[in-house]
Amino acid sequence: MDIQKKEKLAALQIIRDKMKTHKISTIELAKFLNIDSVSLSDFLFYRKVPNDKLINKISTNLEKLEMSKFKSLNEEPTFIDLSFSDFEASKIPPKLGEKICRIREKIQLNREELASCLKPPVSSQIVAYWEDNIIIPKLEYCVQLSDLGVVTLDWLLRD
């Protein structure tokens, strides 16, 4: 491998490390660079070797993107004044908690065991809130619950 290629690969590794450190995805950087993410990925993962001009463009724009992310993290959050009348209240399906409880009992788990089965895990108190219809589980948890109970998502969410 010639020296110039080694230097390019080292520069690309530095770029990948910065992306990882600042949690910048390939897609996000590609949008910022105005190139397609597949091409950028080919360069970043050494499937294609970019020219020096492109490496400099990627590096420069990565720094700009890092700075814009840093600034947005340090800015004061802006709040929009909305009253509750601007939103239609979500209604918890009356039988959702009962169905979650039935699924849990069907697979013979207590609340704590069910909570630890879910990804990411939740507390047993959250499962209790779901079963008591105090809060609605996120969709990702509804999908997992329906899979565990071998029921359709439709059955779980409809009354």
N, C-alpha and C. Protein backbone atom coordinates (compact mmCIF):
# COMPACT_ATOMS: atom_id res chain seq x y z
N MET A 1 0.85 -1.18 0.00
CA MET A 1 0.00 0.00 0.00
C MET A 1 0.90 1.24 0.00
N ASP A 2 0.64 2.18 -0.90
CA ASP A 2 1.48 3.36 -0.97
C ASP A 2 1.17 4.32 0.18
N ILE A 3 2.12 5.22 0.45
CA ILE A 3 2.03 6.13 1.60
C ILE A 3 0.81 7.03 1.50
N GLN A 4 0.53 7.54 0.30
CA GLN A 4 -0.61 8.46 0.15
C GLN A 4 -1.93 7.76 0.49
N LYS A 5 -2.07 6.51 0.10
CA LYS A 5 -3.29 5.78 0.40
C LYS A 5 -3.42 5.56 1.91
N LYS A 6 -2.29 5.25 2.57
CA LYS A 6 -2.30 5.07 4.03
C LYS A 6 -2.73 6.35 4.74
N GLU A 7 -2.24 7.49 4.25
CA GLU A 7 -2.61 8.78 4.84
C GLU A 7 -4.10 9.05 4.67
N LYS A 8 -4.63 8.71 3.50
CA LYS A 8 -6.07 8.91 3.25
C LYS A 8 -6.90 8.04 4.17
N LEU A 9 -6.48 6.78 4.32
CA LEU A 9 -7.22 5.87 5.20
C LEU A 9 -7.14 6.34 6.65
N ALA A 10 -6.00 6.88 7.05
CA ALA A 10 -5.87 7.41 8.41
C ALA A 10 -6.79 8.62 8.60
N ALA A 11 -6.86 9.48 7.59
CA ALA A 11 -7.74 10.66 7.67
C ALA A 11 -9.20 10.22 7.76
N LEU A 12 -9.56 9.19 7.00
CA LEU A 12 -10.94 8.68 7.05
C LEU A 12 -11.25 8.07 8.42
N GLN A 13 -10.26 7.42 9.01
CA GLN A 13 -10.46 6.85 10.35
C GLN A 13 -10.70 7.96 11.37
N ILE A 14 -9.97 9.06 11.25
CA ILE A 14 -10.16 10.20 12.15
C ILE A 14 -11.57 10.76 11.99
N ILE A 15 -12.03 10.85 10.73
CA ILE A 15 -13.38 11.34 10.46
C ILE A 15 -14.41 10.42 11.11
N ARG A 16 -14.24 9.11 10.95
CA ARG A 16 -15.17 8.14 11.55
C ARG A 16 -15.17 8.26 13.07
N ASP A 17 -13.99 8.44 13.66
CA ASP A 17 -13.90 8.59 15.12
C ASP A 17 -14.64 9.84 15.59
N LYS A 18 -14.48 10.94 14.87
CA LYS A 18 -15.19 12.18 15.22
C LYS A 18 -16.70 12.00 15.10
N MET A 19 -17.11 11.31 14.04
CA MET A 19 -18.55 11.06 13.86
C MET A 19 -19.09 10.26 15.04
N LYS A 20 -18.34 9.26 15.46
CA LYS A 20 -18.77 8.41 16.57
C LYS A 20 -18.81 9.22 17.87
N THR A 21 -17.79 10.02 18.11
CA THR A 21 -17.71 10.83 19.32
C THR A 21 -18.87 11.82 19.41
N HIS A 22 -19.19 12.45 18.29
CA HIS A 22 -20.23 13.48 18.28
C HIS A 22 -21.61 12.95 17.87
N LYS A 23 -21.69 11.62 17.73
CA LYS A 23 -22.95 10.95 17.40
C LYS A 23 -23.57 11.53 16.13
N ILE A 24 -22.76 11.60 15.09
CA ILE A 24 -23.22 12.08 13.79
C ILE A 24 -23.31 10.88 12.86
N SER A 25 -24.48 10.62 12.33
CA SER A 25 -24.68 9.46 11.46
C SER A 25 -24.16 9.76 10.06
N THR A 26 -23.92 8.68 9.32
CA THR A 26 -23.49 8.81 7.94
C THR A 26 -24.55 9.55 7.13
N ILE A 27 -25.80 9.24 7.38
CA ILE A 27 -26.90 9.89 6.66
C ILE A 27 -26.93 11.38 6.95
N GLU A 28 -26.75 11.73 8.21
CA GLU A 28 -26.76 13.14 8.61
C GLU A 28 -25.62 13.91 7.94
N LEU A 29 -24.43 13.31 7.94
CA LEU A 29 -23.28 13.96 7.31
C LEU A 29 -23.46 14.05 5.80
N ALA A 30 -24.01 12.99 5.21
CA ALA A 30 -24.24 12.99 3.75
C ALA A 30 -25.22 14.10 3.36
N LYS A 31 -26.27 14.29 4.14
CA LYS A 31 -27.21 15.38 3.86
C LYS A 31 -26.53 16.72 3.96
N PHE A 32 -25.68 16.87 4.97
CA PHE A 32 -24.96 18.12 5.17
C PHE A 32 -24.00 18.39 4.01
N LEU A 33 -23.40 17.30 3.47
CA LEU A 33 -22.47 17.43 2.35
C LEU A 33 -23.18 17.50 1.00
N ASN A 34 -24.46 17.17 1.02
CA ASN A 34 -25.27 17.13 -0.20
C ASN A 34 -24.76 16.05 -1.17
N ILE A 35 -24.42 14.88 -0.61
CA ILE A 35 -24.07 13.71 -1.42
C ILE A 35 -24.88 12.54 -0.91
N ASP A 36 -24.96 11.47 -1.69
CA ASP A 36 -25.77 10.35 -1.23
C ASP A 36 -25.00 9.55 -0.17
N SER A 37 -25.74 9.00 0.77
CA SER A 37 -25.15 8.34 1.93
C SER A 37 -24.40 7.06 1.55
N VAL A 38 -24.81 6.41 0.48
CA VAL A 38 -24.13 5.18 0.05
C VAL A 38 -22.71 5.50 -0.39
N SER A 39 -22.56 6.57 -1.16
CA SER A 39 -21.21 6.96 -1.61
C SER A 39 -20.34 7.35 -0.42
N LEU A 40 -20.91 8.13 0.48
CA LEU A 40 -20.14 8.53 1.66
C LEU A 40 -19.74 7.31 2.47
N SER A 41 -20.63 6.37 2.63
CA SER A 41 -20.34 5.14 3.35
C SER A 41 -19.22 4.36 2.67
N ASP A 42 -19.25 4.30 1.34
CA ASP A 42 -18.18 3.63 0.60
C ASP A 42 -16.82 4.23 0.92
N PHE A 43 -16.76 5.55 1.04
CA PHE A 43 -15.50 6.22 1.36
C PHE A 43 -15.11 5.98 2.82
N LEU A 44 -16.06 6.13 3.72
CA LEU A 44 -15.75 6.02 5.15
C LEU A 44 -15.32 4.61 5.55
N PHE A 45 -15.84 3.61 4.86
CA PHE A 45 -15.53 2.22 5.21
C PHE A 45 -14.58 1.57 4.22
N TYR A 46 -13.81 2.42 3.53
CA TYR A 46 -12.68 2.00 2.70
C TYR A 46 -13.05 1.15 1.48
N ARG A 47 -14.28 1.19 1.04
CA ARG A 47 -14.63 0.46 -0.18
C ARG A 47 -14.17 1.23 -1.42
N LYS A 48 -14.07 2.54 -1.29
CA LYS A 48 -13.56 3.42 -2.33
C LYS A 48 -12.61 4.42 -1.67
N VAL A 49 -11.59 4.81 -2.40
CA VAL A 49 -10.65 5.79 -1.85
C VAL A 49 -10.96 7.15 -2.46
N PRO A 50 -11.34 8.12 -1.63
CA PRO A 50 -11.67 9.45 -2.15
C PRO A 50 -10.41 10.24 -2.48
N ASN A 51 -10.58 11.28 -3.29
CA ASN A 51 -9.43 12.15 -3.57
C ASN A 51 -9.25 13.12 -2.40
N ASP A 52 -8.12 13.82 -2.39
CA ASP A 52 -7.79 14.73 -1.29
C ASP A 52 -8.84 15.82 -1.11
N LYS A 53 -9.35 16.31 -2.23
CA LYS A 53 -10.33 17.39 -2.18
C LYS A 53 -11.59 16.94 -1.43
N LEU A 54 -12.04 15.71 -1.72
CA LEU A 54 -13.23 15.20 -1.05
C LEU A 54 -12.97 14.96 0.44
N ILE A 55 -11.81 14.45 0.78
CA ILE A 55 -11.48 14.24 2.20
C ILE A 55 -11.51 15.57 2.94
N ASN A 56 -10.93 16.61 2.34
CA ASN A 56 -10.94 17.94 2.96
C ASN A 56 -12.36 18.47 3.09
N LYS A 57 -13.19 18.25 2.07
CA LYS A 57 -14.58 18.69 2.11
C LYS A 57 -15.34 17.99 3.23
N ILE A 58 -15.15 16.67 3.35
CA ILE A 58 -15.81 15.90 4.40
C ILE A 58 -15.36 16.40 5.77
N SER A 59 -14.05 16.56 5.95
CA SER A 59 -13.50 16.98 7.23
C SER A 59 -13.99 18.37 7.63
N THR A 60 -13.95 19.30 6.68
CA THR A 60 -14.39 20.68 6.95
C THR A 60 -15.86 20.72 7.31
N ASN A 61 -16.68 20.03 6.55
CA ASN A 61 -18.11 20.04 6.81
C ASN A 61 -18.47 19.28 8.08
N LEU A 62 -17.69 18.28 8.41
CA LEU A 62 -17.90 17.56 9.67
C LEU A 62 -17.68 18.51 10.84
N GLU A 63 -16.63 19.32 10.75
CA GLU A 63 -16.37 20.30 11.81
C GLU A 63 -17.51 21.31 11.92
N LYS A 64 -18.04 21.75 10.78
CA LYS A 64 -19.17 22.68 10.81
C LYS A 64 -20.39 22.03 11.45
N LEU A 65 -20.62 20.77 11.10
CA LEU A 65 -21.76 20.04 11.66
C LEU A 65 -21.58 19.84 13.17
N GLU A 66 -20.35 19.53 13.59
CA GLU A 66 -20.05 19.39 15.02
C GLU A 66 -20.36 20.70 15.75
N MET A 67 -19.92 21.81 15.17
CA MET A 67 -20.15 23.12 15.79
C MET A 67 -21.64 23.45 15.87
N SER A 68 -22.38 23.13 14.81
CA SER A 68 -23.82 23.43 14.83
C SER A 68 -24.53 22.57 15.87
N LYS A 69 -24.09 21.32 16.03
CA LYS A 69 -24.67 20.46 17.07
C LYS A 69 -24.31 21.00 18.45
N PHE A 70 -23.07 21.43 18.63
CA PHE A 70 -22.63 21.96 19.91
C PHE A 70 -23.41 23.21 20.28
N LYS A 71 -23.60 24.09 19.30
CA LYS A 71 -24.36 25.32 19.56
C LYS A 71 -25.80 25.00 19.94
N SER A 72 -26.42 24.06 19.24
CA SER A 72 -27.81 23.74 19.53
C SER A 72 -27.96 23.11 20.91
N LEU A 73 -26.93 22.41 21.38
CA LEU A 73 -26.99 21.83 22.73
C LEU A 73 -26.88 22.90 23.81
N ASN A 74 -26.17 23.98 23.51
CA ASN A 74 -25.95 25.03 24.50
C ASN A 74 -26.96 26.17 24.44
N GLU A 75 -27.83 26.14 23.45
CA GLU A 75 -28.84 27.18 23.35
C GLU A 75 -29.93 26.94 24.37
N GLU A 76 -30.55 28.01 24.78
CA GLU A 76 -31.70 27.89 25.66
C GLU A 76 -32.86 27.28 24.86
N PRO A 77 -33.57 26.36 25.42
CA PRO A 77 -34.70 25.79 24.68
C PRO A 77 -35.78 26.84 24.46
N THR A 78 -36.41 26.76 23.32
CA THR A 78 -37.51 27.67 23.04
C THR A 78 -38.81 26.91 23.26
N PHE A 79 -39.74 27.58 23.87
CA PHE A 79 -41.01 26.96 24.16
C PHE A 79 -42.10 27.67 23.38
N ILE A 80 -42.99 26.87 22.87
CA ILE A 80 -44.12 27.42 22.13
C ILE A 80 -45.31 27.43 23.08
N ASP A 81 -45.99 28.54 23.14
CA ASP A 81 -47.13 28.65 24.02
C ASP A 81 -48.34 27.98 23.37
N LEU A 82 -48.69 26.83 23.87
CA LEU A 82 -49.86 26.11 23.37
C LEU A 82 -50.76 25.79 24.55
N SER A 83 -52.00 25.95 24.36
CA SER A 83 -52.92 25.58 25.43
C SER A 83 -53.41 24.17 25.18
N PHE A 84 -53.95 23.56 26.22
CA PHE A 84 -54.44 22.19 26.07
C PHE A 84 -55.58 22.11 25.07
N SER A 85 -56.25 23.21 24.83
CA SER A 85 -57.35 23.18 23.87
C SER A 85 -56.84 23.00 22.44
N ASP A 86 -55.51 23.19 22.22
CA ASP A 86 -54.95 22.99 20.89
C ASP A 86 -54.79 21.51 20.54
N PHE A 87 -54.92 20.65 21.53
CA PHE A 87 -54.72 19.23 21.30
C PHE A 87 -55.98 18.46 21.63
N GLU A 88 -56.19 17.42 20.87
CA GLU A 88 -57.29 16.52 21.18
C GLU A 88 -56.73 15.48 22.14
N ALA A 89 -57.38 15.27 23.22
CA ALA A 89 -56.88 14.34 24.22
C ALA A 89 -56.89 12.91 23.68
N SER A 90 -55.79 12.21 23.93
CA SER A 90 -55.72 10.80 23.55
C SER A 90 -56.49 10.01 24.59
N LYS A 91 -57.26 9.08 24.13
CA LYS A 91 -58.04 8.26 25.05
C LYS A 91 -57.40 6.89 25.15
N ILE A 92 -57.24 6.42 26.36
CA ILE A 92 -56.70 5.08 26.58
C ILE A 92 -57.80 4.09 26.28
N PRO A 93 -57.52 3.12 25.41
CA PRO A 93 -58.54 2.10 25.17
C PRO A 93 -58.90 1.43 26.50
N PRO A 94 -60.20 1.40 26.85
CA PRO A 94 -60.61 0.93 28.17
C PRO A 94 -60.13 -0.47 28.53
N LYS A 95 -59.97 -1.33 27.56
CA LYS A 95 -59.60 -2.71 27.86
C LYS A 95 -58.11 -2.98 27.67
N LEU A 96 -57.32 -1.96 27.33
CA LEU A 96 -55.90 -2.17 27.07
C LEU A 96 -55.19 -2.76 28.29
N GLY A 97 -55.37 -2.16 29.44
CA GLY A 97 -54.73 -2.65 30.65
C GLY A 97 -55.13 -4.08 30.98
N GLU A 98 -56.40 -4.36 30.82
CA GLU A 98 -56.91 -5.72 31.05
C GLU A 98 -56.25 -6.72 30.11
N LYS A 99 -56.08 -6.32 28.85
CA LYS A 99 -55.46 -7.21 27.86
C LYS A 99 -53.98 -7.43 28.16
N ILE A 100 -53.30 -6.37 28.59
CA ILE A 100 -51.89 -6.52 28.96
C ILE A 100 -51.75 -7.49 30.14
N CYS A 101 -52.65 -7.36 31.10
CA CYS A 101 -52.66 -8.25 32.26
C CYS A 101 -52.92 -9.70 31.82
N ARG A 102 -53.86 -9.88 30.89
CA ARG A 102 -54.17 -11.23 30.39
C ARG A 102 -52.97 -11.83 29.68
N ILE A 103 -52.26 -11.03 28.90
CA ILE A 103 -51.06 -11.53 28.21
C ILE A 103 -50.01 -11.96 29.24
N ARG A 104 -49.80 -11.10 30.24
CA ARG A 104 -48.81 -11.41 31.27
C ARG A 104 -49.15 -12.71 32.00
N GLU A 105 -50.41 -12.88 32.34
CA GLU A 105 -50.85 -14.10 33.04
C GLU A 105 -50.77 -15.31 32.12
N LYS A 106 -51.07 -15.13 30.85
CA LYS A 106 -51.03 -16.22 29.87
C LYS A 106 -49.61 -16.79 29.75
N ILE A 107 -48.60 -15.89 29.78
CA ILE A 107 -47.22 -16.36 29.66
C ILE A 107 -46.58 -16.62 31.03
N GLN A 108 -47.41 -16.55 32.06
CA GLN A 108 -47.05 -16.91 33.44
C GLN A 108 -45.83 -16.13 33.95
N LEU A 109 -45.94 -14.81 33.84
CA LEU A 109 -44.91 -13.93 34.38
C LEU A 109 -45.53 -12.96 35.37
N ASN A 110 -44.74 -12.58 36.37
CA ASN A 110 -45.23 -11.51 37.24
C ASN A 110 -44.83 -10.18 36.59
N ARG A 111 -45.23 -9.08 37.19
CA ARG A 111 -44.98 -7.77 36.58
C ARG A 111 -43.48 -7.49 36.43
N GLU A 112 -42.72 -7.87 37.42
CA GLU A 112 -41.27 -7.63 37.38
C GLU A 112 -40.61 -8.43 36.26
N GLU A 113 -41.01 -9.68 36.10
CA GLU A 113 -40.44 -10.53 35.04
C GLU A 113 -40.81 -10.00 33.66
N LEU A 114 -42.06 -9.56 33.50
CA LEU A 114 -42.48 -9.00 32.22
C LEU A 114 -41.70 -7.73 31.92
N ALA A 115 -41.53 -6.89 32.93
CA ALA A 115 -40.80 -5.63 32.75
C ALA A 115 -39.38 -5.89 32.27
N SER A 116 -38.73 -6.92 32.80
CA SER A 116 -37.34 -7.21 32.41
C SER A 116 -37.26 -7.89 31.05
N CYS A 117 -38.36 -8.49 30.57
CA CYS A 117 -38.38 -9.13 29.24
C CYS A 117 -38.39 -8.11 28.12
N LEU A 118 -38.89 -6.92 28.41
CA LEU A 118 -39.05 -5.91 27.37
C LEU A 118 -37.73 -5.23 27.07
N LYS A 119 -37.59 -4.77 25.85
CA LYS A 119 -36.37 -4.09 25.41
C LYS A 119 -36.70 -2.69 24.94
N PRO A 120 -36.18 -1.64 25.50
CA PRO A 120 -35.41 -1.63 26.74
C PRO A 120 -36.30 -1.95 27.93
N PRO A 121 -35.72 -2.53 28.97
CA PRO A 121 -36.52 -2.93 30.13
C PRO A 121 -37.19 -1.73 30.79
N VAL A 122 -38.32 -1.99 31.41
CA VAL A 122 -39.03 -0.96 32.17
C VAL A 122 -39.16 -1.46 33.60
N SER A 123 -39.66 -0.61 34.47
CA SER A 123 -39.85 -1.03 35.86
C SER A 123 -41.18 -1.77 35.98
N SER A 124 -41.30 -2.53 37.05
CA SER A 124 -42.56 -3.24 37.29
C SER A 124 -43.69 -2.25 37.56
N GLN A 125 -43.33 -1.07 38.08
CA GLN A 125 -44.33 -0.03 38.34
C GLN A 125 -44.94 0.46 37.03
N ILE A 126 -44.15 0.55 35.98
CA ILE A 126 -44.65 0.96 34.67
C ILE A 126 -45.65 -0.08 34.16
N VAL A 127 -45.31 -1.34 34.31
CA VAL A 127 -46.25 -2.41 33.89
C VAL A 127 -47.55 -2.27 34.68
N ALA A 128 -47.46 -1.98 35.96
CA ALA A 128 -48.65 -1.78 36.79
C ALA A 128 -49.48 -0.61 36.26
N TYR A 129 -48.82 0.49 35.89
CA TYR A 129 -49.53 1.64 35.32
C TYR A 129 -50.24 1.27 34.03
N TRP A 130 -49.58 0.44 33.19
CA TRP A 130 -50.22 0.00 31.94
C TRP A 130 -51.47 -0.82 32.25
N GLU A 131 -51.31 -1.76 33.16
CA GLU A 131 -52.41 -2.67 33.49
C GLU A 131 -53.57 -1.94 34.17
N ASP A 132 -53.27 -0.86 34.88
CA ASP A 132 -54.31 -0.09 35.56
C ASP A 132 -54.85 1.05 34.68
N ASN A 133 -54.42 1.07 33.41
CA ASN A 133 -54.85 2.08 32.44
C ASN A 133 -54.53 3.51 32.89
N ILE A 134 -53.41 3.68 33.57
CA ILE A 134 -52.99 5.01 33.98
C ILE A 134 -52.20 5.67 32.86
N ILE A 135 -51.33 4.88 32.22
CA ILE A 135 -50.58 5.38 31.07
C ILE A 135 -50.65 4.36 29.93
N ILE A 136 -50.40 4.85 28.72
CA ILE A 136 -50.40 3.98 27.54
C ILE A 136 -48.96 3.62 27.22
N PRO A 137 -48.69 2.33 26.98
CA PRO A 137 -47.32 1.98 26.60
C PRO A 137 -46.97 2.54 25.22
N LYS A 138 -45.70 2.82 25.00
CA LYS A 138 -45.24 3.24 23.68
C LYS A 138 -45.52 2.12 22.69
N LEU A 139 -45.61 2.49 21.43
CA LEU A 139 -45.91 1.51 20.39
C LEU A 139 -44.90 0.37 20.38
N GLU A 140 -43.62 0.66 20.58
CA GLU A 140 -42.60 -0.39 20.56
C GLU A 140 -42.88 -1.44 21.64
N TYR A 141 -43.41 -1.01 22.78
CA TYR A 141 -43.75 -1.96 23.83
C TYR A 141 -45.03 -2.72 23.50
N CYS A 142 -45.98 -2.05 22.86
CA CYS A 142 -47.20 -2.73 22.44
C CYS A 142 -46.88 -3.86 21.46
N VAL A 143 -45.94 -3.59 20.55
CA VAL A 143 -45.53 -4.62 19.59
C VAL A 143 -44.91 -5.80 20.33
N GLN A 144 -44.02 -5.50 21.28
CA GLN A 144 -43.38 -6.58 22.04
C GLN A 144 -44.41 -7.37 22.86
N LEU A 145 -45.35 -6.66 23.46
CA LEU A 145 -46.39 -7.34 24.26
C LEU A 145 -47.24 -8.25 23.38
N SER A 146 -47.60 -7.75 22.20
CA SER A 146 -48.42 -8.58 21.30
C SER A 146 -47.63 -9.79 20.82
N ASP A 147 -46.33 -9.63 20.60
CA ASP A 147 -45.49 -10.77 20.21
C ASP A 147 -45.40 -11.79 21.34
N LEU A 148 -45.19 -11.30 22.56
CA LEU A 148 -45.10 -12.20 23.71
C LEU A 148 -46.40 -12.99 23.91
N GLY A 149 -47.52 -12.31 23.73
CA GLY A 149 -48.81 -12.96 23.95
C GLY A 149 -49.34 -13.68 22.73
N VAL A 150 -48.60 -13.63 21.64
CA VAL A 150 -48.99 -14.22 20.36
C VAL A 150 -50.40 -13.75 19.99
N VAL A 151 -50.56 -12.43 20.02
CA VAL A 151 -51.82 -11.80 19.63
C VAL A 151 -51.47 -10.71 18.62
N THR A 152 -52.48 -10.26 17.89
CA THR A 152 -52.21 -9.18 16.95
C THR A 152 -52.19 -7.85 17.68
N LEU A 153 -51.48 -6.92 17.11
CA LEU A 153 -51.45 -5.57 17.64
C LEU A 153 -52.84 -4.96 17.57
N ASP A 154 -53.55 -5.30 16.52
CA ASP A 154 -54.92 -4.84 16.36
C ASP A 154 -55.79 -5.28 17.54
N TRP A 155 -55.68 -6.55 17.92
CA TRP A 155 -56.47 -7.06 19.05
C TRP A 155 -56.10 -6.32 20.34
N LEU A 156 -54.81 -6.09 20.52
CA LEU A 156 -54.36 -5.46 21.75
C LEU A 156 -54.90 -4.03 21.88
N LEU A 157 -54.88 -3.27 20.79
CA LEU A 157 -55.20 -1.86 20.87
C LEU A 157 -56.67 -1.52 20.65
N ARG A 158 -57.40 -2.41 20.05
CA ARG A 158 -58.83 -2.13 19.82
C ARG A 158 -59.67 -2.69 20.96
N ASP A 159 -60.83 -2.05 21.17
CA ASP A 159 -61.77 -2.54 22.20
C ASP A 159 -62.74 -3.53 21.62
